[in-house]
């Protein structure tokens, strides 16, 4: 997945601009983002503080690491079962 040009802190500050009364189209134009991107960010980061966003990133990273470990274990188990079944 492509890394965003904006950090979580920047995204939250952009969302706050709109919450403070600036029109969405103007916020998007100012920061060079599409309305779809803005609303995707709003659904993911809406109502969050910067510390919440950092914690979310840490949890997503940990979750992906654990999923990889689980996939490797399942693959190892399948290989062992295949080896035992052939003997």
PDB file of N, CA and C in Angstrom:
ATOM      1  N   UNK A   1       0.834  -1.173   0.000  1.00  0.00           N
ATOM      2  CA  UNK A   1       0.000   0.000   0.000  1.00  0.00           C
ATOM      3  C   UNK A   1       0.881   1.239   0.000  1.00  0.00           C
ATOM      4  N   UNK A   2       0.466   2.259  -0.720  1.00  0.00           N
ATOM      5  CA  UNK A   2       1.220   3.494  -0.847  1.00  0.00           C
ATOM      6  C   UNK A   2       1.140   4.314   0.430  1.00  0.00           C
ATOM      7  N   UNK A   3       2.285   4.883   0.824  1.00  0.00           N
ATOM      8  CA  UNK A   3       2.316   5.710   2.024  1.00  0.00           C
ATOM      9  C   UNK A   3       1.707   7.069   1.717  1.00  0.00           C
ATOM     10  N   UNK A   4       0.939   7.581   2.648  1.00  0.00           N
ATOM     11  CA  UNK A   4       0.258   8.855   2.478  1.00  0.00           C
ATOM     12  C   UNK A   4       1.243  10.017   2.540  1.00  0.00           C
ATOM     13  N   UNK A   5       0.916  11.088   1.838  1.00  0.00           N
ATOM     14  CA  UNK A   5       1.728  12.303   1.913  1.00  0.00           C
ATOM     15  C   UNK A   5       1.548  12.996   3.250  1.00  0.00           C
ATOM     16  N   UNK A   6       0.457  12.688   3.926  1.00  0.00           N
ATOM     17  CA  UNK A   6       0.096  13.371   5.161  1.00  0.00           C
ATOM     18  C   UNK A   6       0.237  12.432   6.351  1.00  0.00           C
ATOM     19  N   UNK A   7       0.734  12.965   7.451  1.00  0.00           N
ATOM     20  CA  UNK A   7       0.808  12.182   8.687  1.00  0.00           C
ATOM     21  C   UNK A   7      -0.552  12.228   9.378  1.00  0.00           C
ATOM     22  N   UNK A   8      -0.704  11.417  10.405  1.00  0.00           N
ATOM     23  CA  UNK A   8      -1.963  11.417  11.148  1.00  0.00           C
ATOM     24  C   UNK A   8      -2.242  12.783  11.757  1.00  0.00           C
ATOM     25  N   UNK A   9      -1.196  13.447  12.238  1.00  0.00           N
ATOM     26  CA  UNK A   9      -1.363  14.765  12.844  1.00  0.00           C
ATOM     27  C   UNK A   9      -1.889  15.766  11.825  1.00  0.00           C
ATOM     28  N   UNK A  10      -1.338  15.710  10.604  1.00  0.00           N
ATOM     29  CA  UNK A  10      -1.780  16.622   9.550  1.00  0.00           C
ATOM     30  C   UNK A  10      -3.217  16.327   9.132  1.00  0.00           C
ATOM     31  N   UNK A  11      -3.549  15.049   9.037  1.00  0.00           N
ATOM     32  CA  UNK A  11      -4.909  14.669   8.652  1.00  0.00           C
ATOM     33  C   UNK A  11      -5.906  15.181   9.677  1.00  0.00           C
ATOM     34  N   UNK A  12      -5.596  15.009  10.940  1.00  0.00           N
ATOM     35  CA  UNK A  12      -6.508  15.460  11.993  1.00  0.00           C
ATOM     36  C   UNK A  12      -6.645  16.978  11.977  1.00  0.00           C
ATOM     37  N   UNK A  13      -5.551  17.688  11.706  1.00  0.00           N
ATOM     38  CA  UNK A  13      -5.656  19.147  11.640  1.00  0.00           C
ATOM     39  C   UNK A  13      -6.496  19.587  10.440  1.00  0.00           C
ATOM     40  N   UNK A  14      -6.401  18.870   9.321  1.00  0.00           N
ATOM     41  CA  UNK A  14      -7.229  19.177   8.151  1.00  0.00           C
ATOM     42  C   UNK A  14      -8.706  18.950   8.477  1.00  0.00           C
ATOM     43  N   UNK A  15      -9.000  17.851   9.166  1.00  0.00           N
ATOM     44  CA  UNK A  15     -10.389  17.576   9.544  1.00  0.00           C
ATOM     45  C   UNK A  15     -10.915  18.634  10.514  1.00  0.00           C
ATOM     46  N   UNK A  16     -10.057  19.093  11.402  1.00  0.00           N
ATOM     47  CA  UNK A  16     -10.466  20.132  12.359  1.00  0.00           C
ATOM     48  C   UNK A  16     -10.813  21.444  11.662  1.00  0.00           C
ATOM     49  N   UNK A  17     -10.081  21.767  10.568  1.00  0.00           N
ATOM     50  CA  UNK A  17     -10.390  22.979   9.812  1.00  0.00           C
ATOM     51  C   UNK A  17     -11.836  22.947   9.334  1.00  0.00           C
ATOM     52  N   UNK A  18     -12.253  21.809   8.818  1.00  0.00           N
ATOM     53  CA  UNK A  18     -13.616  21.678   8.323  1.00  0.00           C
ATOM     54  C   UNK A  18     -14.612  21.734   9.476  1.00  0.00           C
ATOM     55  N   UNK A  19     -14.268  21.146  10.611  1.00  0.00           N
ATOM     56  CA  UNK A  19     -15.158  21.161  11.775  1.00  0.00           C
ATOM     57  C   UNK A  19     -15.346  22.571  12.313  1.00  0.00           C
ATOM     58  N   UNK A  20     -14.356  23.431  12.110  1.00  0.00           N
ATOM     59  CA  UNK A  20     -14.439  24.797  12.617  1.00  0.00           C
ATOM     60  C   UNK A  20     -15.252  25.708  11.701  1.00  0.00           C
ATOM     61  N   UNK A  21     -15.786  25.184  10.620  1.00  0.00           N
ATOM     62  CA  UNK A  21     -16.698  25.960   9.800  1.00  0.00           C
ATOM     63  C   UNK A  21     -16.246  26.239   8.389  1.00  0.00           C
ATOM     64  N   UNK A  22     -15.041  25.855   8.031  1.00  0.00           N
ATOM     65  CA  UNK A  22     -14.581  26.056   6.660  1.00  0.00           C
ATOM     66  C   UNK A  22     -15.309  25.081   5.745  1.00  0.00           C
ATOM     67  N   UNK A  23     -15.724  25.514   4.560  1.00  0.00           N
ATOM     68  CA  UNK A  23     -16.394  24.585   3.630  1.00  0.00           C
ATOM     69  C   UNK A  23     -15.455  23.452   3.204  1.00  0.00           C
ATOM     70  N   UNK A  24     -16.025  22.280   3.041  1.00  0.00           N
ATOM     71  CA  UNK A  24     -15.245  21.100   2.687  1.00  0.00           C
ATOM     72  C   UNK A  24     -14.489  21.291   1.377  1.00  0.00           C
ATOM     73  N   UNK A  25     -15.142  21.878   0.386  1.00  0.00           N
ATOM     74  CA  UNK A  25     -14.495  22.080  -0.913  1.00  0.00           C
ATOM     75  C   UNK A  25     -13.268  22.977  -0.780  1.00  0.00           C
ATOM     76  N   UNK A  26     -13.364  24.007   0.064  1.00  0.00           N
ATOM     77  CA  UNK A  26     -12.235  24.913   0.253  1.00  0.00           C
ATOM     78  C   UNK A  26     -11.073  24.218   0.964  1.00  0.00           C
ATOM     79  N   UNK A  27     -11.383  23.397   1.956  1.00  0.00           N
ATOM     80  CA  UNK A  27     -10.341  22.656   2.677  1.00  0.00           C
ATOM     81  C   UNK A  27      -9.635  21.701   1.720  1.00  0.00           C
ATOM     82  N   UNK A  28     -10.407  21.017   0.893  1.00  0.00           N
ATOM     83  CA  UNK A  28      -9.822  20.071  -0.067  1.00  0.00           C
ATOM     84  C   UNK A  28      -8.930  20.796  -1.074  1.00  0.00           C
ATOM     85  N   UNK A  29      -9.400  21.918  -1.578  1.00  0.00           N
ATOM     86  CA  UNK A  29      -8.641  22.675  -2.552  1.00  0.00           C
ATOM     87  C   UNK A  29      -7.348  23.223  -1.935  1.00  0.00           C
ATOM     88  N   UNK A  30      -7.434  23.711  -0.709  1.00  0.00           N
ATOM     89  CA  UNK A  30      -6.266  24.273  -0.026  1.00  0.00           C
ATOM     90  C   UNK A  30      -5.161  23.239   0.151  1.00  0.00           C
ATOM     91  N   UNK A  31      -5.542  22.025   0.504  1.00  0.00           N
ATOM     92  CA  UNK A  31      -4.551  20.987   0.814  1.00  0.00           C
ATOM     93  C   UNK A  31      -4.270  20.055  -0.355  1.00  0.00           C
ATOM     94  N   UNK A  32      -4.959  20.247  -1.463  1.00  0.00           N
ATOM     95  CA  UNK A  32      -4.702  19.448  -2.650  1.00  0.00           C
ATOM     96  C   UNK A  32      -5.150  18.008  -2.535  1.00  0.00           C
ATOM     97  N   UNK A  33      -6.312  17.793  -1.921  1.00  0.00           N
ATOM     98  CA  UNK A  33      -6.859  16.443  -1.791  1.00  0.00           C
ATOM     99  C   UNK A  33      -8.239  16.404  -2.435  1.00  0.00           C
ATOM    100  N   UNK A  34      -8.694  15.212  -2.756  1.00  0.00           N
ATOM    101  CA  UNK A  34     -10.032  15.080  -3.329  1.00  0.00           C
ATOM    102  C   UNK A  34     -11.062  14.984  -2.200  1.00  0.00           C
ATOM    103  N   UNK A  35     -12.310  15.206  -2.572  1.00  0.00           N
ATOM    104  CA  UNK A  35     -13.386  15.101  -1.582  1.00  0.00           C
ATOM    105  C   UNK A  35     -13.500  13.664  -1.081  1.00  0.00           C
ATOM    106  N   UNK A  36     -13.265  12.686  -1.972  1.00  0.00           N
ATOM    107  CA  UNK A  36     -13.318  11.278  -1.553  1.00  0.00           C
ATOM    108  C   UNK A  36     -12.276  10.989  -0.485  1.00  0.00           C
ATOM    109  N   UNK A  37     -11.073  11.513  -0.681  1.00  0.00           N
ATOM    110  CA  UNK A  37     -10.015  11.326   0.316  1.00  0.00           C
ATOM    111  C   UNK A  37     -10.422  11.959   1.638  1.00  0.00           C
ATOM    112  N   UNK A  38     -10.959  13.160   1.571  1.00  0.00           N
ATOM    113  CA  UNK A  38     -11.374  13.850   2.791  1.00  0.00           C
ATOM    114  C   UNK A  38     -12.396  13.029   3.565  1.00  0.00           C
ATOM    115  N   UNK A  39     -13.417  12.540   2.868  1.00  0.00           N
ATOM    116  CA  UNK A  39     -14.466  11.794   3.561  1.00  0.00           C
ATOM    117  C   UNK A  39     -13.979  10.424   4.041  1.00  0.00           C
ATOM    118  N   UNK A  40     -13.018   9.832   3.321  1.00  0.00           N
ATOM    119  CA  UNK A  40     -12.429   8.574   3.803  1.00  0.00           C
ATOM    120  C   UNK A  40     -11.663   8.828   5.093  1.00  0.00           C
ATOM    121  N   UNK A  41     -10.889   9.933   5.125  1.00  0.00           N
ATOM    122  CA  UNK A  41     -10.176  10.307   6.349  1.00  0.00           C
ATOM    123  C   UNK A  41     -11.156  10.603   7.474  1.00  0.00           C
ATOM    124  N   UNK A  42     -12.248  11.277   7.132  1.00  0.00           N
ATOM    125  CA  UNK A  42     -13.229  11.643   8.158  1.00  0.00           C
ATOM    126  C   UNK A  42     -13.858  10.397   8.771  1.00  0.00           C
ATOM    127  N   UNK A  43     -14.107   9.380   7.939  1.00  0.00           N
ATOM    128  CA  UNK A  43     -14.696   8.147   8.486  1.00  0.00           C
ATOM    129  C   UNK A  43     -13.690   7.391   9.355  1.00  0.00           C
ATOM    130  N   UNK A  44     -12.410   7.508   9.022  1.00  0.00           N
ATOM    131  CA  UNK A  44     -11.398   6.772   9.788  1.00  0.00           C
ATOM    132  C   UNK A  44     -10.924   7.552  11.018  1.00  0.00           C
ATOM    133  N   UNK A  45     -10.664   8.858  10.850  1.00  0.00           N
ATOM    134  CA  UNK A  45     -10.062   9.654  11.911  1.00  0.00           C
ATOM    135  C   UNK A  45     -11.007  10.655  12.557  1.00  0.00           C
ATOM    136  N   UNK A  46     -12.260  10.709  12.136  1.00  0.00           N
ATOM    137  CA  UNK A  46     -13.194  11.698  12.662  1.00  0.00           C
ATOM    138  C   UNK A  46     -13.376  11.573  14.163  1.00  0.00           C
ATOM    139  N   UNK A  47     -13.231  12.680  14.873  1.00  0.00           N
ATOM    140  CA  UNK A  47     -13.410  12.695  16.322  1.00  0.00           C
ATOM    141  C   UNK A  47     -12.217  12.206  17.121  1.00  0.00           C
ATOM    142  N   UNK A  48     -11.113  11.918  16.452  1.00  0.00           N
ATOM    143  CA  UNK A  48      -9.925  11.408  17.147  1.00  0.00           C
ATOM    144  C   UNK A  48      -8.990  12.540  17.531  1.00  0.00           C
ATOM    145  N   UNK A  49      -8.238  12.280  18.566  1.00  0.00           N
ATOM    146  CA  UNK A  49      -7.118  13.136  18.931  1.00  0.00           C
ATOM    147  C   UNK A  49      -5.862  12.541  18.298  1.00  0.00           C
ATOM    148  N   UNK A  50      -4.772  13.278  18.329  1.00  0.00           N
ATOM    149  CA  UNK A  50      -3.522  12.810  17.730  1.00  0.00           C
ATOM    150  C   UNK A  50      -3.043  11.537  18.420  1.00  0.00           C
ATOM    151  N   UNK A  51      -3.159  11.492  19.737  1.00  0.00           N
ATOM    152  CA  UNK A  51      -2.706  10.302  20.467  1.00  0.00           C
ATOM    153  C   UNK A  51      -3.545   9.077  20.100  1.00  0.00           C
ATOM    154  N   UNK A  52      -4.840   9.287  19.864  1.00  0.00           N
ATOM    155  CA  UNK A  52      -5.702   8.177  19.437  1.00  0.00           C
ATOM    156  C   UNK A  52      -5.268   7.643  18.076  1.00  0.00           C
ATOM    157  N   UNK A  53      -4.907   8.551  17.175  1.00  0.00           N
ATOM    158  CA  UNK A  53      -4.480   8.148  15.838  1.00  0.00           C
ATOM    159  C   UNK A  53      -3.169   7.365  15.902  1.00  0.00           C
ATOM    160  N   UNK A  54      -2.262   7.794  16.755  1.00  0.00           N
ATOM    161  CA  UNK A  54      -0.997   7.056  16.908  1.00  0.00           C
ATOM    162  C   UNK A  54      -1.260   5.663  17.447  1.00  0.00           C
ATOM    163  N   UNK A  55      -2.142   5.556  18.416  1.00  0.00           N
ATOM    164  CA  UNK A  55      -2.484   4.254  18.998  1.00  0.00           C
ATOM    165  C   UNK A  55      -3.144   3.360  17.951  1.00  0.00           C
ATOM    166  N   UNK A  56      -4.009   3.947  17.119  1.00  0.00           N
ATOM    167  CA  UNK A  56      -4.644   3.189  16.048  1.00  0.00           C
ATOM    168  C   UNK A  56      -3.596   2.633  15.095  1.00  0.00           C
ATOM    169  N   UNK A  57      -2.607   3.447  14.724  1.00  0.00           N
ATOM    170  CA  UNK A  57      -1.538   3.002  13.827  1.00  0.00           C
ATOM    171  C   UNK A  57      -0.762   1.849  14.459  1.00  0.00           C
ATOM    172  N   UNK A  58      -0.448   1.962  15.755  1.00  0.00           N
ATOM    173  CA  UNK A  58       0.285   0.896  16.433  1.00  0.00           C
ATOM    174  C   UNK A  58      -0.527  -0.398  16.435  1.00  0.00           C
ATOM    175  N   UNK A  59      -1.827  -0.293  16.705  1.00  0.00           N
ATOM    176  CA  UNK A  59      -2.668  -1.484  16.735  1.00  0.00           C
ATOM    177  C   UNK A  59      -2.785  -2.115  15.345  1.00  0.00           C
ATOM    178  N   UNK A  60      -2.875  -1.292  14.306  1.00  0.00           N
ATOM    179  CA  UNK A  60      -2.943  -1.833  12.945  1.00  0.00           C
ATOM    180  C   UNK A  60      -1.649  -2.551  12.586  1.00  0.00           C
ATOM    181  N   UNK A  61      -0.508  -1.981  12.969  1.00  0.00           N
ATOM    182  CA  UNK A  61       0.779  -2.625  12.699  1.00  0.00           C
ATOM    183  C   UNK A  61       0.899  -3.952  13.441  1.00  0.00           C
ATOM    184  N   UNK A  62       0.495  -3.942  14.709  1.00  0.00           N
ATOM    185  CA  UNK A  62       0.561  -5.170  15.498  1.00  0.00           C
ATOM    186  C   UNK A  62      -0.379  -6.229  14.931  1.00  0.00           C
ATOM    187  N   UNK A  63      -1.560  -5.808  14.510  1.00  0.00           N
ATOM    188  CA  UNK A  63      -2.523  -6.738  13.939  1.00  0.00           C
ATOM    189  C   UNK A  63      -1.986  -7.380  12.668  1.00  0.00           C
ATOM    190  N   UNK A  64      -1.366  -6.598  11.800  1.00  0.00           N
ATOM    191  CA  UNK A  64      -0.826  -7.171  10.563  1.00  0.00           C
ATOM    192  C   UNK A  64       0.329  -8.121  10.861  1.00  0.00           C
ATOM    193  N   UNK A  65       1.145  -7.791  11.847  1.00  0.00           N
ATOM    194  CA  UNK A  65       2.252  -8.680  12.232  1.00  0.00           C
ATOM    195  C   UNK A  65       1.709 -10.002  12.761  1.00  0.00           C
ATOM    196  N   UNK A  66       0.670  -9.948  13.598  1.00  0.00           N
ATOM    197  CA  UNK A  66       0.087 -11.171  14.147  1.00  0.00           C
ATOM    198  C   UNK A  66      -0.591 -12.013  13.061  1.00  0.00           C
ATOM    199  N   UNK A  67      -1.204 -11.358  12.086  1.00  0.00           N
ATOM    200  CA  UNK A  67      -1.810 -12.100  10.973  1.00  0.00           C
ATOM    201  C   UNK A  67      -0.757 -12.842  10.167  1.00  0.00           C
ATOM    202  N   UNK A  68       0.395 -12.204   9.951  1.00  0.00           N
ATOM    203  CA  UNK A  68       1.483 -12.874   9.226  1.00  0.00           C
ATOM    204  C   UNK A  68       1.981 -14.086  10.013  1.00  0.00           C
ATOM    205  N   UNK A  69       2.142 -13.919  11.327  1.00  0.00           N
ATOM    206  CA  UNK A  69       2.597 -15.038  12.155  1.00  0.00           C
ATOM    207  C   UNK A  69       1.607 -16.198  12.104  1.00  0.00           C
ATOM    208  N   UNK A  70       0.323 -15.878  12.165  1.00  0.00           N
ATOM    209  CA  UNK A  70      -0.699 -16.920  12.106  1.00  0.00           C
ATOM    210  C   UNK A  70      -0.663 -17.643  10.764  1.00  0.00           C
ATOM    211  N   UNK A  71      -0.508 -16.903   9.685  1.00  0.00           N
ATOM    212  CA  UNK A  71      -0.452 -17.521   8.357  1.00  0.00           C
ATOM    213  C   UNK A  71       0.757 -18.451   8.248  1.00  0.00           C
ATOM    214  N   UNK A  72       1.892 -18.037   8.799  1.00  0.00           N
ATOM    215  CA  UNK A  72       3.081 -18.889   8.776  1.00  0.00           C
ATOM    216  C   UNK A  72       2.858 -20.155   9.588  1.00  0.00           C
ATOM    217  N   UNK A  73       2.197 -20.046  10.733  1.00  0.00           N
ATOM    218  CA  UNK A  73       1.927 -21.228  11.557  1.00  0.00           C
ATOM    219  C   UNK A  73       0.989 -22.192  10.846  1.00  0.00           C
ATOM    220  N   UNK A  74      -0.042 -21.666  10.209  1.00  0.00           N
ATOM    221  CA  UNK A  74      -0.976 -22.520   9.476  1.00  0.00           C
ATOM    222  C   UNK A  74      -0.246 -23.236   8.344  1.00  0.00           C
ATOM    223  N   UNK A  75       0.629 -22.521   7.643  1.00  0.00           N
ATOM    224  CA  UNK A  75       1.405 -23.126   6.567  1.00  0.00           C
ATOM    225  C   UNK A  75       2.323 -24.226   7.104  1.00  0.00           C
ATOM    226  N   UNK A  76       2.987 -23.962   8.230  1.00  0.00           N
ATOM    227  CA  UNK A  76       3.842 -24.973   8.843  1.00  0.00           C
ATOM    228  C   UNK A  76       3.036 -26.213   9.235  1.00  0.00           C
ATOM    229  N   UNK A  77       1.871 -26.013   9.841  1.00  0.00           N
ATOM    230  CA  UNK A  77       1.024 -27.145  10.237  1.00  0.00           C
ATOM    231  C   UNK A  77       0.589 -27.958   9.027  1.00  0.00           C
ATOM    232  N   UNK A  78       0.233 -27.283   7.961  1.00  0.00           N
ATOM    233  CA  UNK A  78      -0.196 -27.974   6.743  1.00  0.00           C
ATOM    234  C   UNK A  78       0.949 -28.789   6.161  1.00  0.00           C
ATOM    235  N   UNK A  79       2.148 -28.215   6.144  1.00  0.00           N
ATOM    236  CA  UNK A  79       3.305 -28.945   5.624  1.00  0.00           C
ATOM    237  C   UNK A  79       3.593 -30.175   6.478  1.00  0.00           C
ATOM    238  N   UNK A  80       3.520 -30.037   7.801  1.00  0.00           N
ATOM    239  CA  UNK A  80       3.784 -31.184   8.685  1.00  0.00           C
ATOM    240  C   UNK A  80       2.746 -32.276   8.493  1.00  0.00           C
ATOM    241  N   UNK A  81       1.475 -31.887   8.341  1.00  0.00           N
ATOM    242  CA  UNK A  81       0.436 -32.884   8.109  1.00  0.00           C
ATOM    243  C   UNK A  81       0.651 -33.602   6.785  1.00  0.00           C
ATOM    244  N   UNK A  82       1.072 -32.873   5.782  1.00  0.00           N
ATOM    245  CA  UNK A  82       1.333 -33.504   4.480  1.00  0.00           C
ATOM    246  C   UNK A  82       2.499 -34.487   4.587  1.00  0.00           C
ATOM    247  N   UNK A  83       3.545 -34.112   5.308  1.00  0.00           N
ATOM    248  CA  UNK A  83       4.691 -34.994   5.468  1.00  0.00           C
ATOM    249  C   UNK A  83       4.314 -36.251   6.244  1.00  0.00           C
ATOM    250  N   UNK A  84       3.522 -36.088   7.302  1.00  0.00           N
ATOM    251  CA  UNK A  84       3.112 -37.241   8.095  1.00  0.00           C
ATOM    252  C   UNK A  84       2.141 -38.126   7.304  1.00  0.00           C
ATOM    253  N   UNK A  85       1.340 -37.557   6.487  1.00  0.00           N
ATOM    254  CA  UNK A  85       0.389 -38.322   5.695  1.00  0.00           C
ATOM    255  C   UNK A  85       1.073 -39.155   4.619  1.00  0.00           C
ATOM    256  N   UNK A  86       2.187 -38.684   4.083  1.00  0.00           N
ATOM    257  CA  UNK A  86       2.904 -39.424   3.035  1.00  0.00           C
ATOM    258  C   UNK A  86       3.670 -40.606   3.599  1.00  0.00           C
ATOM    259  N   UNK A  87       4.122 -40.503   4.808  1.00  0.00           N
ATOM    260  CA  UNK A  87       4.895 -41.590   5.416  1.00  0.00           C
ATOM    261  C   UNK A  87       3.963 -42.643   5.830  1.00  0.00           C
TER     262      UNK A  87
END
